[in-house]
Structures are given as structure tokens and as C-alpha cells.
Amino acid sequence: MNSRRSLLALATLAATLPLGSIAVAQNYPSRPITIVVGSSAGSATDGLARVIAQEVGKETGQSVIVDNRAGAFGGIAAQYVARAPADGYTLFMTTNTTQSANPHLLKKLAYDPIKDFEPVSLLTRGYQLLVVNPKLAANNVAELIALAKASPGKLNYGSGSSSAQVATELFQQMTGTKFNYVPYKANPPAVMDLVAGQTDLMIVDLATSLPQVKAGKLRALGTTSQKPLALVPGVPPIAGSLPGYEFGYWNALYAPAGTPAPVVQRLNELMHKAMGVATVRSSVEQAGMEPALSTPAELQRFQLSELERWGGIVKAAGISPE
């Protein structure tokens, strides 16, 4: 959006908003902003939040703090932001985990993924890696499936996000295999336990798993994309051995419900500008993701469609809410 269109959009909004909201928007941001992330340091979302925070800080002249609040599949962070003042100074950078999957995976949520948030912008979309401990007697997807069928219920998989869990549950459903689920507060500690041999396999984002693969501490068997990923040459899509398998995740920014529309619009512009910076785009690509920007309204429609899609996947995988 160019500067003229931005001014016209703000003028249109101003005509329908209380004077207090207009004043807030004109002065925004006038103090530090906090971006809350529902995962621990080292995750793909954490990395994205930090590079965007740096660029927004440069653009606005205000400090932008990243606050990691891992746990409950991002629910702790979601609840915190949902109850924060609706002034644009406490934001939520999250994934499909909290906004589309948790309602189908958890019996009780301390937040409403639709009513408690104002959509700001979709940011990225990405895929995952199927990785195993190098000691596991499986060098490819076909061998893993054969091993799992020969020893049903004996292999353990870790997960610190709904994307990791549902991707693995979908794999089991499509292959007729059975793994034991080991839950974690976040994916980085789950990956560390996989490296240590406490679990056998994971399907997890590239930002968390690829460094361990490059160090020879994990073995990559396949990607969740339909086409090979440039970041992992030689690693085929899981779909090559399991036709029809595909799974991905997305990142987006939200504000608490009731945040003034001009502030949401300003945040949307800041996200688009930050994602256009070469170093940010490079960081996104190195994490195995791709930019996927939107307007607030587009994010709202996308989230609703994803909520329905994830419900279908969870039901088909036979996962019971916990």
C-alpha cells in the first residue's frame, strides 16, 4: 500500500471513529511495543518475531520487545494477550496452533481465537521436516513405515505444537502406523530430547530441526511439502512415499479485540514494510518459510477457513480433545 492510499484509508476510518481513537492512532506508537510469542526461543515464530521487531523498532523509533510465554500449545500467551489493554502495545505473533487447531484439540480454552483478537496481518507460510534420531533403523520414509508396522506402539514421537502433533497423527492415519505421543511445552526442547534419544521421531518446522540435521545429530527423511525444498537438497517430500500427504503451518500477527482500527491499520503497514526488508525475507526463507502477507480482513477470512480445515484434519486423524 503506497503512502497516498494509506492516508486515504486512515481518513475514511477517521470519519467513523471516536475522537479518542483517532488521537491514539495519530500518536501510535509513543512507547515500547511488546510482541508476545507462545513458543520458546529458537522456534520459527520466535525467530520471525525478533527480525520483525528489529525492523519495526527502526521504523518507529520505539523499542519492540519479544516476550516468550511458552506452554499449553501457545494458550498461555494467547490468554495473556487476550486480556491485555486494547491499545496496540501488546501484540500476539502466533500460528495456526492457537488460532485454528487448539479449539479442536483442547476441551477447554482460556481464550476465544476469534472473539478475543483483532487480525492484523498474515505473515508467512511454511512446511516441516520428518526427522529421526540417527540410531533409528530407518533411512527413508518407506523404512520408517515398515519399522513402525513391525513394532506397533513402540516408537515415540515428541511434539511441542499442534502443527507437529497433527502432522504426525495424519502420517499415522495415512500409513496405518501407531506411535506413542510425548507432549512438550514447545518444539525446541522436544528436538533436544530427540537428539538425546529420548524419543524416536518428529515432524517439526525447519527453523528448529535443520541446524541439528546439518550437525548430523538428526536424520531428515522427508518434507511435508508436495515439492522438494531448496533448503534441504536431497530430502524428498513425504508424498513421494505416501501419495497425497501434505502439511504446513502459518504465522500471523494479532492485537487484542477492541484495538482501534487506525492502530490495526498502522500495524498492518508496519508488518508489510518489515517483511519487505531483504534481511527479513532472507531470514524467513532460511527458516523454510515464505512471505504471505494480507489485509486484516483477509486474515480474518483465512483464519475462519483454516479453523474449519483443521477441524476436518483432527477429526479424520481420530484425535480426541484433551
C-alpha atoms as a PDB file:
ATOM      1  CA  MET A   1       0.000   0.000   0.000  1.00  0.00           C
ATOM      2  CA  ASN A   2       1.528   3.377  -1.025  1.00  0.00           C
ATOM      3  CA  SER A   3       1.510   6.466   1.184  1.00  0.00           C
ATOM      4  CA  ARG A   4      -1.440   8.102  -0.635  1.00  0.00           C
ATOM      5  CA  ARG A   5      -3.618   5.012  -0.231  1.00  0.00           C
ATOM      6  CA  SER A   6      -2.567   4.794   3.414  1.00  0.00           C
ATOM      7  CA  LEU A   7      -3.676   8.376   4.047  1.00  0.00           C
ATOM      8  CA  LEU A   8      -6.998   7.810   2.275  1.00  0.00           C
ATOM      9  CA  ALA A   9      -7.627   4.651   4.296  1.00  0.00           C
ATOM     10  CA  LEU A  10      -6.910   6.444   7.557  1.00  0.00           C
ATOM     11  CA  ALA A  11      -9.130   9.362   6.551  1.00  0.00           C
ATOM     12  CA  THR A  12     -12.014   7.001   5.792  1.00  0.00           C
ATOM     13  CA  LEU A  13     -11.575   5.276   9.139  1.00  0.00           C
ATOM     14  CA  ALA A  14     -11.303   8.584  10.965  1.00  0.00           C
ATOM     15  CA  ALA A  15     -14.739   9.633   9.732  1.00  0.00           C
ATOM     16  CA  THR A  16     -16.363   6.739  11.581  1.00  0.00           C
ATOM     17  CA  LEU A  17     -14.281   6.625  14.779  1.00  0.00           C
ATOM     18  CA  PRO A  18     -14.459   8.449  18.125  1.00  0.00           C
ATOM     19  CA  LEU A  19     -12.015  11.315  18.579  1.00  0.00           C
ATOM     20  CA  GLY A  20     -10.183   9.370  21.286  1.00  0.00           C
ATOM     21  CA  SER A  21      -9.411   6.538  18.854  1.00  0.00           C
ATOM     22  CA  ILE A  22      -8.155   8.991  16.239  1.00  0.00           C
ATOM     23  CA  ALA A  23      -5.835  10.645  18.759  1.00  0.00           C
ATOM     24  CA  VAL A  24      -4.420   7.288  19.830  1.00  0.00           C
ATOM     25  CA  ALA A  25      -3.757   6.315  16.214  1.00  0.00           C
ATOM     26  CA  GLN A  26      -2.053   9.616  15.369  1.00  0.00           C
ATOM     27  CA  ASN A  27       0.375   9.219  18.259  1.00  0.00           C
ATOM     28  CA  TYR A  28       0.938   5.484  17.801  1.00  0.00           C
ATOM     29  CA  PRO A  29       3.392   4.179  18.783  1.00  0.00           C
ATOM     30  CA  SER A  30       4.527   6.566  21.507  1.00  0.00           C
ATOM     31  CA  ARG A  31       6.114   3.960  23.790  1.00  0.00           C
ATOM     32  CA  PRO A  32       7.642   0.459  23.600  1.00  0.00           C
ATOM     33  CA  ILE A  33       5.654  -2.376  21.993  1.00  0.00           C
ATOM     34  CA  THR A  34       5.677  -5.962  23.241  1.00  0.00           C
ATOM     35  CA  ILE A  35       5.232  -8.885  20.848  1.00  0.00           C
ATOM     36  CA  VAL A  36       4.167 -11.968  22.791  1.00  0.00           C
ATOM     37  CA  VAL A  37       5.147 -15.351  21.325  1.00  0.00           C
ATOM     38  CA  GLY A  38       3.658 -18.634  22.504  1.00  0.00           C
ATOM     39  CA  SER A  39       6.837 -20.645  21.990  1.00  0.00           C
ATOM     40  CA  SER A  40      10.340 -20.681  23.429  1.00  0.00           C
ATOM     41  CA  ALA A  41      13.465 -19.081  21.984  1.00  0.00           C
ATOM     42  CA  GLY A  42      14.761 -20.881  18.917  1.00  0.00           C
ATOM     43  CA  SER A  43      11.383 -21.668  17.371  1.00  0.00           C
ATOM     44  CA  ALA A  44      10.396 -20.439  13.907  1.00  0.00           C
ATOM     45  CA  THR A  45       7.858 -17.984  15.338  1.00  0.00           C
ATOM     46  CA  ASP A  46      10.360 -16.618  17.849  1.00  0.00           C
ATOM     47  CA  GLY A  47      12.914 -16.025  15.091  1.00  0.00           C
ATOM     48  CA  LEU A  48      10.326 -14.276  12.932  1.00  0.00           C
ATOM     49  CA  ALA A  49       9.201 -12.095  15.823  1.00  0.00           C
ATOM     50  CA  ARG A  50      12.758 -10.972  16.534  1.00  0.00           C
ATOM     51  CA  VAL A  51      13.666  -9.921  12.988  1.00  0.00           C
ATOM     52  CA  ILE A  52      10.357  -8.095  12.575  1.00  0.00           C
ATOM     53  CA  ALA A  53      10.733  -6.436  15.993  1.00  0.00           C
ATOM     54  CA  GLN A  54      14.101  -5.060  14.935  1.00  0.00           C
ATOM     55  CA  GLU A  55      12.699  -3.519  11.747  1.00  0.00           C
ATOM     56  CA  VAL A  56       9.597  -2.084  13.435  1.00  0.00           C
ATOM     57  CA  GLY A  57      11.866  -0.541  16.064  1.00  0.00           C
ATOM     58  CA  LYS A  58      13.930   1.120  13.356  1.00  0.00           C
ATOM     59  CA  GLU A  59      10.837   2.409  11.578  1.00  0.00           C
ATOM     60  CA  THR A  60       9.039   3.793  14.632  1.00  0.00           C
ATOM     61  CA  GLY A  61      11.924   4.778  16.896  1.00  0.00           C
ATOM     62  CA  GLN A  62      10.371   2.749  19.696  1.00  0.00           C
ATOM     63  CA  SER A  63      11.722  -0.383  21.378  1.00  0.00           C
ATOM     64  CA  VAL A  64       9.956  -3.604  20.397  1.00  0.00           C
ATOM     65  CA  ILE A  65      10.295  -6.382  22.965  1.00  0.00           C
ATOM     66  CA  VAL A  66       9.738 -10.088  22.254  1.00  0.00           C
ATOM     67  CA  ASP A  67       8.138 -11.841  25.233  1.00  0.00           C
ATOM     68  CA  ASN A  68       8.268 -15.653  25.123  1.00  0.00           C
ATOM     69  CA  ARG A  69       5.397 -17.311  27.027  1.00  0.00           C
ATOM     70  CA  ALA A  70       5.548 -20.973  26.069  1.00  0.00           C
ATOM     71  CA  GLY A  71       3.086 -23.582  27.249  1.00  0.00           C
ATOM     72  CA  ALA A  72      -0.384 -25.026  26.640  1.00  0.00           C
ATOM     73  CA  PHE A  73       0.211 -25.100  22.870  1.00  0.00           C
ATOM     74  CA  GLY A  74       0.520 -21.310  22.888  1.00  0.00           C
ATOM     75  CA  GLY A  75      -2.533 -20.947  25.107  1.00  0.00           C
ATOM     76  CA  ILE A  76      -0.668 -19.167  27.898  1.00  0.00           C
ATOM     77  CA  ALA A  77       0.472 -16.440  25.508  1.00  0.00           C
ATOM     78  CA  ALA A  78      -2.936 -16.243  23.830  1.00  0.00           C
ATOM     79  CA  GLN A  79      -4.722 -15.760  27.140  1.00  0.00           C
ATOM     80  CA  TYR A  80      -2.218 -13.107  28.214  1.00  0.00           C
ATOM     81  CA  VAL A  81      -2.726 -11.027  25.061  1.00  0.00           C
ATOM     82  CA  ALA A  82      -6.493 -11.539  25.064  1.00  0.00           C
ATOM     83  CA  ARG A  83      -6.614  -9.867  28.490  1.00  0.00           C
ATOM     84  CA  ALA A  84      -4.152  -7.078  27.647  1.00  0.00           C
ATOM     85  CA  PRO A  85      -5.261  -3.472  27.043  1.00  0.00           C
ATOM     86  CA  ALA A  86      -6.560  -2.973  23.504  1.00  0.00           C
ATOM     87  CA  ASP A  87      -4.144  -0.166  22.690  1.00  0.00           C
ATOM     88  CA  GLY A  88      -1.710  -1.760  20.237  1.00  0.00           C
ATOM     89  CA  TYR A  89       1.169  -2.067  22.698  1.00  0.00           C
ATOM     90  CA  THR A  90       0.742  -5.767  23.453  1.00  0.00           C
ATOM     91  CA  LEU A  91       0.610  -7.918  20.314  1.00  0.00           C
ATOM     92  CA  PHE A  92       0.417 -11.636  19.602  1.00  0.00           C
ATOM     93  CA  MET A  93       2.598 -13.263  16.950  1.00  0.00           C
ATOM     94  CA  THR A  94       1.291 -16.774  16.612  1.00  0.00           C
ATOM     95  CA  THR A  95       0.464 -19.686  14.335  1.00  0.00           C
ATOM     96  CA  ASN A  96      -2.381 -21.950  13.300  1.00  0.00           C
ATOM     97  CA  THR A  97      -1.754 -23.741  16.614  1.00  0.00           C
ATOM     98  CA  THR A  98      -3.583 -21.190  18.763  1.00  0.00           C
ATOM     99  CA  GLN A  99      -5.921 -19.741  16.151  1.00  0.00           C
ATOM    100  CA  SER A 100      -7.150 -22.788  14.229  1.00  0.00           C
ATOM    101  CA  ALA A 101      -6.045 -26.035  15.871  1.00  0.00           C
ATOM    102  CA  ASN A 102      -6.410 -25.650  19.645  1.00  0.00           C
ATOM    103  CA  PRO A 103     -10.218 -25.324  19.518  1.00  0.00           C
ATOM    104  CA  HIS A 104     -10.310 -28.858  18.097  1.00  0.00           C
ATOM    105  CA  LEU A 105      -7.522 -30.319  20.251  1.00  0.00           C
ATOM    106  CA  LEU A 106      -8.357 -28.934  23.692  1.00  0.00           C
ATOM    107  CA  LYS A 107     -11.610 -29.342  25.606  1.00  0.00           C
ATOM    108  CA  LYS A 108     -11.222 -26.017  27.388  1.00  0.00           C
ATOM    109  CA  LEU A 109      -9.622 -22.827  26.091  1.00  0.00           C
ATOM    110  CA  ALA A 110      -8.923 -19.791  28.252  1.00  0.00           C
ATOM    111  CA  TYR A 111      -9.371 -17.570  25.184  1.00  0.00           C
ATOM    112  CA  ASP A 112     -11.553 -17.348  22.084  1.00  0.00           C
ATOM    113  CA  PRO A 113      -9.398 -17.384  18.918  1.00  0.00           C
ATOM    114  CA  ILE A 114     -11.969 -15.298  17.027  1.00  0.00           C
ATOM    115  CA  LYS A 115     -13.667 -13.003  19.548  1.00  0.00           C
ATOM    116  CA  ASP A 116     -10.600 -12.110  21.642  1.00  0.00           C
ATOM    117  CA  PHE A 117      -8.353 -10.793  18.848  1.00  0.00           C
ATOM    118  CA  GLU A 118      -8.160  -8.242  16.058  1.00  0.00           C
ATOM    119  CA  PRO A 119      -6.429  -9.718  12.978  1.00  0.00           C
ATOM    120  CA  VAL A 120      -3.524  -7.581  11.784  1.00  0.00           C
ATOM    121  CA  SER A 121      -1.748  -9.492   9.008  1.00  0.00           C
ATOM    122  CA  LEU A 122      -0.834 -12.938   7.822  1.00  0.00           C
ATOM    123  CA  LEU A 123       2.977 -13.067   7.692  1.00  0.00           C
ATOM    124  CA  THR A 124       4.375 -16.372   6.462  1.00  0.00           C
ATOM    125  CA  ARG A 125       3.565 -19.914   5.436  1.00  0.00           C
ATOM    126  CA  GLY A 126       5.933 -22.846   5.852  1.00  0.00           C
ATOM    127  CA  TYR A 127       6.498 -26.571   5.785  1.00  0.00           C
ATOM    128  CA  GLN A 128       8.099 -29.116   8.104  1.00  0.00           C
ATOM    129  CA  LEU A 129      10.672 -31.913   8.210  1.00  0.00           C
ATOM    130  CA  LEU A 130      10.211 -35.518   9.277  1.00  0.00           C
ATOM    131  CA  VAL A 131      13.324 -36.164  11.373  1.00  0.00           C
ATOM    132  CA  VAL A 132      14.506 -39.179  13.358  1.00  0.00           C
ATOM    133  CA  ASN A 133      17.259 -39.981  15.801  1.00  0.00           C
ATOM    134  CA  PRO A 134      20.249 -41.245  13.745  1.00  0.00           C
ATOM    135  CA  LYS A 135      20.273 -44.503  15.727  1.00  0.00           C
ATOM    136  CA  LEU A 136      16.823 -45.407  14.435  1.00  0.00           C
ATOM    137  CA  ALA A 137      16.979 -48.119  11.762  1.00  0.00           C
ATOM    138  CA  ALA A 138      15.188 -46.027   9.139  1.00  0.00           C
ATOM    139  CA  ASN A 139      16.951 -44.180   6.334  1.00  0.00           C
ATOM    140  CA  ASN A 140      13.846 -43.118   4.426  1.00  0.00           C
ATOM    141  CA  VAL A 141      10.086 -42.801   4.810  1.00  0.00           C
ATOM    142  CA  ALA A 142       9.368 -46.300   3.489  1.00  0.00           C
ATOM    143  CA  GLU A 143      11.758 -47.853   6.020  1.00  0.00           C
ATOM    144  CA  LEU A 144      10.194 -45.849   8.860  1.00  0.00           C
ATOM    145  CA  ILE A 145       6.727 -47.062   7.890  1.00  0.00           C
ATOM    146  CA  ALA A 146       7.953 -50.675   7.723  1.00  0.00           C
ATOM    147  CA  LEU A 147       9.692 -50.356  11.102  1.00  0.00           C
ATOM    148  CA  ALA A 148       6.599 -48.825  12.717  1.00  0.00           C
ATOM    149  CA  LYS A 149       4.338 -51.559  11.334  1.00  0.00           C
ATOM    150  CA  ALA A 150       6.709 -54.260  12.564  1.00  0.00           C
ATOM    151  CA  SER A 151       6.735 -52.766  16.082  1.00  0.00           C
ATOM    152  CA  PRO A 152       3.354 -51.056  16.606  1.00  0.00           C
ATOM    153  CA  GLY A 153       3.244 -48.705  19.571  1.00  0.00           C
ATOM    154  CA  LYS A 154       6.969 -48.919  20.299  1.00  0.00           C
ATOM    155  CA  LEU A 155       8.192 -45.724  18.615  1.00  0.00           C
ATOM    156  CA  ASN A 156       7.816 -42.384  20.423  1.00  0.00           C
ATOM    157  CA  TYR A 157       7.275 -39.005  18.822  1.00  0.00           C
ATOM    158  CA  GLY A 158       7.605 -35.628  20.528  1.00  0.00           C
ATOM    159  CA  SER A 159       5.569 -32.516  19.847  1.00  0.00           C
ATOM    160  CA  GLY A 160       5.521 -29.003  21.257  1.00  0.00           C
ATOM    161  CA  SER A 161       2.901 -27.581  18.893  1.00  0.00           C
ATOM    162  CA  SER A 162      -0.328 -28.661  17.281  1.00  0.00           C
ATOM    163  CA  SER A 163       1.326 -28.490  13.850  1.00  0.00           C
ATOM    164  CA  ALA A 164       3.903 -31.051  14.958  1.00  0.00           C
ATOM    165  CA  GLN A 165       1.263 -33.230  16.615  1.00  0.00           C
ATOM    166  CA  VAL A 166      -1.367 -33.186  13.885  1.00  0.00           C
ATOM    167  CA  ALA A 167       1.203 -33.620  11.103  1.00  0.00           C
ATOM    168  CA  THR A 168       2.399 -36.815  12.822  1.00  0.00           C
ATOM    169  CA  GLU A 169      -1.116 -38.024  13.603  1.00  0.00           C
ATOM    170  CA  LEU A 170      -2.067 -37.529   9.955  1.00  0.00           C
ATOM    171  CA  PHE A 171       1.027 -39.530   8.947  1.00  0.00           C
ATOM    172  CA  GLN A 172      -0.071 -42.373  11.209  1.00  0.00           C
ATOM    173  CA  GLN A 173      -3.604 -42.300   9.881  1.00  0.00           C
ATOM    174  CA  MET A 174      -2.459 -42.465   6.262  1.00  0.00           C
ATOM    175  CA  THR A 175       0.106 -45.236   6.897  1.00  0.00           C
ATOM    176  CA  GLY A 176      -1.797 -47.358   9.406  1.00  0.00           C
ATOM    177  CA  THR A 177       1.013 -46.991  11.952  1.00  0.00           C
ATOM    178  CA  LYS A 178       0.907 -46.212  15.663  1.00  0.00           C
ATOM    179  CA  PHE A 179       3.398 -44.058  17.610  1.00  0.00           C
ATOM    180  CA  ASN A 180       3.367 -43.009  21.252  1.00  0.00           C
ATOM    181  CA  TYR A 181       2.761 -39.278  21.707  1.00  0.00           C
ATOM    182  CA  VAL A 182       5.104 -37.399  24.090  1.00  0.00           C
ATOM    183  CA  PRO A 183       3.918 -33.803  24.685  1.00  0.00           C
ATOM    184  CA  TYR A 184       6.265 -30.835  25.269  1.00  0.00           C
ATOM    185  CA  LYS A 185       5.710 -27.161  26.061  1.00  0.00           C
ATOM    186  CA  ALA A 186       7.488 -26.151  22.845  1.00  0.00           C
ATOM    187  CA  ASN A 187       9.282 -27.724  19.881  1.00  0.00           C
ATOM    188  CA  PRO A 188      12.914 -26.776  20.745  1.00  0.00           C
ATOM    189  CA  PRO A 189      13.046 -28.913  23.932  1.00  0.00           C
ATOM    190  CA  ALA A 190      11.278 -31.712  22.057  1.00  0.00           C
ATOM    191  CA  VAL A 191      14.002 -31.613  19.411  1.00  0.00           C
ATOM    192  CA  MET A 192      16.695 -31.709  22.096  1.00  0.00           C
ATOM    193  CA  ASP A 193      15.149 -34.861  23.572  1.00  0.00           C
ATOM    194  CA  LEU A 194      15.024 -36.378  20.095  1.00  0.00           C
ATOM    195  CA  VAL A 195      18.740 -35.651  19.672  1.00  0.00           C
ATOM    196  CA  ALA A 196      19.364 -37.275  23.074  1.00  0.00           C
ATOM    197  CA  GLY A 197      17.439 -40.379  22.060  1.00  0.00           C
ATOM    198  CA  GLN A 198      14.576 -39.872  24.500  1.00  0.00           C
ATOM    199  CA  THR A 199      12.154 -40.030  21.544  1.00  0.00           C
ATOM    200  CA  ASP A 200      12.448 -41.522  18.060  1.00  0.00           C
ATOM    201  CA  LEU A 201      10.954 -39.083  15.584  1.00  0.00           C
ATOM    202  CA  MET A 202       9.266 -35.720  14.984  1.00  0.00           C
ATOM    203  CA  ILE A 203       7.627 -33.736  12.219  1.00  0.00           C
ATOM    204  CA  VAL A 204       8.688 -30.187  13.009  1.00  0.00           C
ATOM    205  CA  ASP A 205       9.488 -26.788  11.491  1.00  0.00           C
ATOM    206  CA  LEU A 206      12.807 -26.347   9.677  1.00  0.00           C
ATOM    207  CA  ALA A 207      13.978 -23.482  11.901  1.00  0.00           C
ATOM    208  CA  THR A 208      14.030 -25.818  14.884  1.00  0.00           C
ATOM    209  CA  SER A 209      15.218 -29.024  13.230  1.00  0.00           C
ATOM    210  CA  LEU A 210      17.514 -28.060  10.347  1.00  0.00           C
ATOM    211  CA  PRO A 211      20.513 -26.970  12.491  1.00  0.00           C
ATOM    212  CA  GLN A 212      20.501 -30.416  14.130  1.00  0.00           C
ATOM    213  CA  VAL A 213      20.231 -32.118  10.733  1.00  0.00           C
ATOM    214  CA  LYS A 214      23.194 -30.125   9.393  1.00  0.00           C
ATOM    215  CA  ALA A 215      25.192 -31.033  12.517  1.00  0.00           C
ATOM    216  CA  GLY A 216      24.497 -34.721  11.920  1.00  0.00           C
ATOM    217  CA  LYS A 217      22.525 -35.044  15.154  1.00  0.00           C
ATOM    218  CA  LEU A 218      19.248 -35.816  13.391  1.00  0.00           C
ATOM    219  CA  ARG A 219      18.410 -37.573  10.130  1.00  0.00           C
ATOM    220  CA  ALA A 220      15.882 -35.933   7.789  1.00  0.00           C
ATOM    221  CA  LEU A 221      13.635 -38.413   5.975  1.00  0.00           C
ATOM    222  CA  GLY A 222      11.153 -36.168   4.214  1.00  0.00           C
ATOM    223  CA  THR A 223       9.435 -32.801   3.894  1.00  0.00           C
ATOM    224  CA  THR A 224       5.733 -32.101   4.374  1.00  0.00           C
ATOM    225  CA  SER A 225       5.614 -30.152   1.095  1.00  0.00           C
ATOM    226  CA  GLN A 226       4.467 -31.535  -2.244  1.00  0.00           C
ATOM    227  CA  LYS A 227       7.672 -30.374  -3.924  1.00  0.00           C
ATOM    228  CA  PRO A 228      11.321 -30.617  -2.744  1.00  0.00           C
ATOM    229  CA  LEU A 229      12.532 -27.684  -0.629  1.00  0.00           C
ATOM    230  CA  ALA A 230      15.689 -25.834  -1.660  1.00  0.00           C
ATOM    231  CA  LEU A 231      16.888 -25.644   1.951  1.00  0.00           C
ATOM    232  CA  VAL A 232      17.126 -29.423   2.258  1.00  0.00           C
ATOM    233  CA  PRO A 233      18.522 -30.712  -1.061  1.00  0.00           C
ATOM    234  CA  GLY A 234      18.305 -34.462  -1.359  1.00  0.00           C
ATOM    235  CA  VAL A 235      15.442 -34.757   1.120  1.00  0.00           C
ATOM    236  CA  PRO A 236      12.317 -35.856  -0.789  1.00  0.00           C
ATOM    237  CA  PRO A 237       8.723 -34.951   0.041  1.00  0.00           C
ATOM    238  CA  ILE A 238       6.958 -37.492   2.266  1.00  0.00           C
ATOM    239  CA  ALA A 239       4.358 -37.576  -0.521  1.00  0.00           C
ATOM    240  CA  GLY A 240       6.857 -39.436  -2.683  1.00  0.00           C
ATOM    241  CA  SER A 241       6.352 -42.492  -0.473  1.00  0.00           C
ATOM    242  CA  LEU A 242       2.914 -41.515   0.817  1.00  0.00           C
ATOM    243  CA  PRO A 243       0.879 -40.025  -2.058  1.00  0.00           C
ATOM    244  CA  GLY A 244      -1.419 -37.198  -1.013  1.00  0.00           C
ATOM    245  CA  TYR A 245       0.433 -36.304   2.179  1.00  0.00           C
ATOM    246  CA  GLU A 246       0.960 -32.564   2.639  1.00  0.00           C
ATOM    247  CA  PHE A 247       1.035 -30.397   5.751  1.00  0.00           C
ATOM    248  CA  GLY A 248       2.055 -26.845   6.577  1.00  0.00           C
ATOM    249  CA  TYR A 249       1.743 -24.025   9.066  1.00  0.00           C
ATOM    250  CA  TRP A 250       1.423 -20.256   9.087  1.00  0.00           C
ATOM    251  CA  ASN A 251       2.364 -17.241  11.194  1.00  0.00           C
ATOM    252  CA  ALA A 252       0.274 -14.126  11.743  1.00  0.00           C
ATOM    253  CA  LEU A 253       0.040 -11.043  13.954  1.00  0.00           C
ATOM    254  CA  TYR A 254      -2.965 -10.192  16.139  1.00  0.00           C
ATOM    255  CA  ALA A 255      -3.896  -7.451  18.597  1.00  0.00           C
ATOM    256  CA  PRO A 256      -6.393  -7.670  21.480  1.00  0.00           C
ATOM    257  CA  ALA A 257     -10.058  -7.322  20.472  1.00  0.00           C
ATOM    258  CA  GLY A 258     -11.170  -3.703  20.505  1.00  0.00           C
ATOM    259  CA  THR A 259      -7.855  -2.250  19.348  1.00  0.00           C
ATOM    260  CA  PRO A 260      -8.697   0.923  17.359  1.00  0.00           C
ATOM    261  CA  ALA A 261      -8.938   0.297  13.627  1.00  0.00           C
ATOM    262  CA  PRO A 262      -6.388   3.008  12.708  1.00  0.00           C
ATOM    263  CA  VAL A 263      -3.860   1.343  15.048  1.00  0.00           C
ATOM    264  CA  VAL A 264      -4.532  -2.033  13.426  1.00  0.00           C
ATOM    265  CA  GLN A 265      -4.066  -0.420  10.014  1.00  0.00           C
ATOM    266  CA  ARG A 266      -0.785   1.167  11.108  1.00  0.00           C
ATOM    267  CA  LEU A 267       0.433  -2.191  12.423  1.00  0.00           C
ATOM    268  CA  ASN A 268      -0.526  -3.833   9.136  1.00  0.00           C
ATOM    269  CA  GLU A 269       1.550  -1.260   7.265  1.00  0.00           C
ATOM    270  CA  LEU A 270       4.498  -1.839   9.616  1.00  0.00           C
ATOM    271  CA  MET A 271       4.303  -5.605   9.054  1.00  0.00           C
ATOM    272  CA  HIS A 272       4.256  -5.197   5.279  1.00  0.00           C
ATOM    273  CA  LYS A 273       7.199  -2.808   5.370  1.00  0.00           C
ATOM    274  CA  ALA A 274       9.227  -5.077   7.674  1.00  0.00           C
ATOM    275  CA  MET A 275       8.555  -8.145   5.528  1.00  0.00           C
ATOM    276  CA  GLY A 276       9.794  -6.228   2.501  1.00  0.00           C
ATOM    277  CA  VAL A 277      13.273  -5.763   4.026  1.00  0.00           C
ATOM    278  CA  ALA A 278      15.823  -8.043   2.352  1.00  0.00           C
ATOM    279  CA  THR A 279      17.327  -9.307   5.606  1.00  0.00           C
ATOM    280  CA  VAL A 280      13.881 -10.216   6.961  1.00  0.00           C
ATOM    281  CA  ARG A 281      12.913 -12.047   3.782  1.00  0.00           C
ATOM    282  CA  SER A 282      16.239 -13.894   3.847  1.00  0.00           C
ATOM    283  CA  SER A 283      15.660 -14.915   7.469  1.00  0.00           C
ATOM    284  CA  VAL A 284      12.166 -16.138   6.600  1.00  0.00           C
ATOM    285  CA  GLU A 285      13.455 -18.184   3.680  1.00  0.00           C
ATOM    286  CA  GLN A 286      16.296 -19.667   5.739  1.00  0.00           C
ATOM    287  CA  ALA A 287      13.672 -20.874   8.231  1.00  0.00           C
ATOM    288  CA  GLY A 288      11.910 -22.757   5.450  1.00  0.00           C
ATOM    289  CA  MET A 289       9.037 -20.286   5.137  1.00  0.00           C
ATOM    290  CA  GLU A 290       7.746 -17.854   2.528  1.00  0.00           C
ATOM    291  CA  PRO A 291       6.161 -14.403   2.935  1.00  0.00           C
ATOM    292  CA  ALA A 292       2.350 -14.476   2.824  1.00  0.00           C
ATOM    293  CA  LEU A 293       1.045 -11.008   3.650  1.00  0.00           C
ATOM    294  CA  SER A 294      -2.598  -9.956   3.911  1.00  0.00           C
ATOM    295  CA  THR A 295      -5.003  -7.254   4.994  1.00  0.00           C
ATOM    296  CA  PRO A 296      -6.736  -7.623   8.393  1.00  0.00           C
ATOM    297  CA  ALA A 297      -9.964  -8.682   6.649  1.00  0.00           C
ATOM    298  CA  GLU A 298      -8.138 -11.258   4.534  1.00  0.00           C
ATOM    299  CA  LEU A 299      -6.512 -12.735   7.636  1.00  0.00           C
ATOM    300  CA  GLN A 300      -9.907 -12.994   9.319  1.00  0.00           C
ATOM    301  CA  ARG A 301     -11.366 -14.901   6.358  1.00  0.00           C
ATOM    302  CA  PHE A 302      -8.283 -17.096   6.103  1.00  0.00           C
ATOM    303  CA  GLN A 303      -8.367 -17.943   9.810  1.00  0.00           C
ATOM    304  CA  LEU A 304     -12.032 -18.962   9.631  1.00  0.00           C
ATOM    305  CA  SER A 305     -11.323 -21.257   6.671  1.00  0.00           C
ATOM    306  CA  GLU A 306      -8.310 -22.725   8.487  1.00  0.00           C
ATOM    307  CA  LEU A 307     -10.408 -23.296  11.617  1.00  0.00           C
ATOM    308  CA  GLU A 308     -12.751 -25.427   9.541  1.00  0.00           C
ATOM    309  CA  ARG A 309      -9.918 -27.214   7.705  1.00  0.00           C
ATOM    310  CA  TRP A 310      -8.064 -28.123  10.900  1.00  0.00           C
ATOM    311  CA  GLY A 311     -11.280 -29.421  12.414  1.00  0.00           C
ATOM    312  CA  GLY A 312     -11.604 -31.818   9.493  1.00  0.00           C
ATOM    313  CA  ILE A 313      -7.994 -32.999   9.798  1.00  0.00           C
ATOM    314  CA  VAL A 314      -8.222 -33.552  13.555  1.00  0.00           C
ATOM    315  CA  LYS A 315     -11.479 -35.475  13.202  1.00  0.00           C
ATOM    316  CA  ALA A 316     -10.145 -37.615  10.337  1.00  0.00           C
ATOM    317  CA  ALA A 317      -6.979 -38.376  12.334  1.00  0.00           C
ATOM    318  CA  GLY A 318      -9.123 -39.616  15.204  1.00  0.00           C
ATOM    319  CA  ILE A 319      -7.647 -37.217  17.761  1.00  0.00           C
ATOM    320  CA  SER A 320      -9.797 -36.742  20.854  1.00  0.00           C
ATOM    321  CA  PRO A 321      -9.696 -33.322  22.576  1.00  0.00           C
ATOM    322  CA  GLU A 322      -7.677 -33.381  25.798  1.00  0.00           C
END
